[in-house]
Every structure is written in structure tokens, then in C-alpha cells.
Amino acid sequence: QVQLVESGGGLVQPGGSLRLSCTTSGFSMAYYAIGWFRQAPGKEREVISCVGSSAESTYYADSVKGRFTISRDNAKSAVYLQMNSLKPEDTAVYYCATDGDFGASYYRCIAGGKELAYWGQGTQVTVSS
């Protein structure tokens, strides 16, 4: 059974940092792209960042480029999102996701994630003073 579990969210002041973790199980994560997404109240879910199976391929949304960094540790079956210089507009529930088709997982991620098969339950990030 494929499972993804996010952690590391919380309340942080503007300009602060958080590191989100996505711990996976039930599949060989090393072969699959993993993505981070977020959804703010009243807004559609958006793709934030994706990392390919080899970690050589990464994608960032313009809104987070230069502030967020995605990484993966295949030995730990985990993917991380380091978030720096946080802004109030980064407030959202953050999700990690992947797909059952390793060949398509990266492209489905950068396309917005609507076709990705497996999602975590999300972790809340609130940026406020």
C-alpha cells in the first residue's frame, strides 16, 4: 500500500524558514518523481516543486523559485522541501504526491499533478506575524 506522510508544517513569522518532510512507504521511491503542492483557502491546488527519480531534474514554480529547495534521500524514502524567506502568501496546506507510472510521474507532476495517483494528507503551513 502506497503511503505518503507529510510533516514539518507549523506557524512561522514572515522571513522565517521551515523544512517539510515527505516520508514514503509501500513502493520503491527511488524510481519515481515526487512533487510538492499546496492549496490555500479559496484557491486551487498548485504545484510548487517536483524532483525526478535521479534528483537531477527539478522544477520550481515561479512563486517559490530561489526561496524553496527540493531534495530527496532515496535511502530514507523521503523527500524534503526547504522553505526560506517565507511570505504570508505561502500560507497553505502542503501536500506531497507521486504516481504509479514511474515513466510519467515527473511530467504529471510538473503539469500540475491532477493525474498523480497518490497523495499525502497534507501539513499546514501558516506564515504570520
Foldseek 3Di string as FASTA:
>chain_A
DKAWAKDWADEAAAQAKIKMKIAIDDDQQLLAKKFKWWDDPPDDIFTAKIAASVRPDMDGDPVQPPFWDWDDDSVRRMIMIIGGRDDQVVWTWMKMFFAPDRVCTRVCRVVGVPPTDDMHPTDTHGYHD
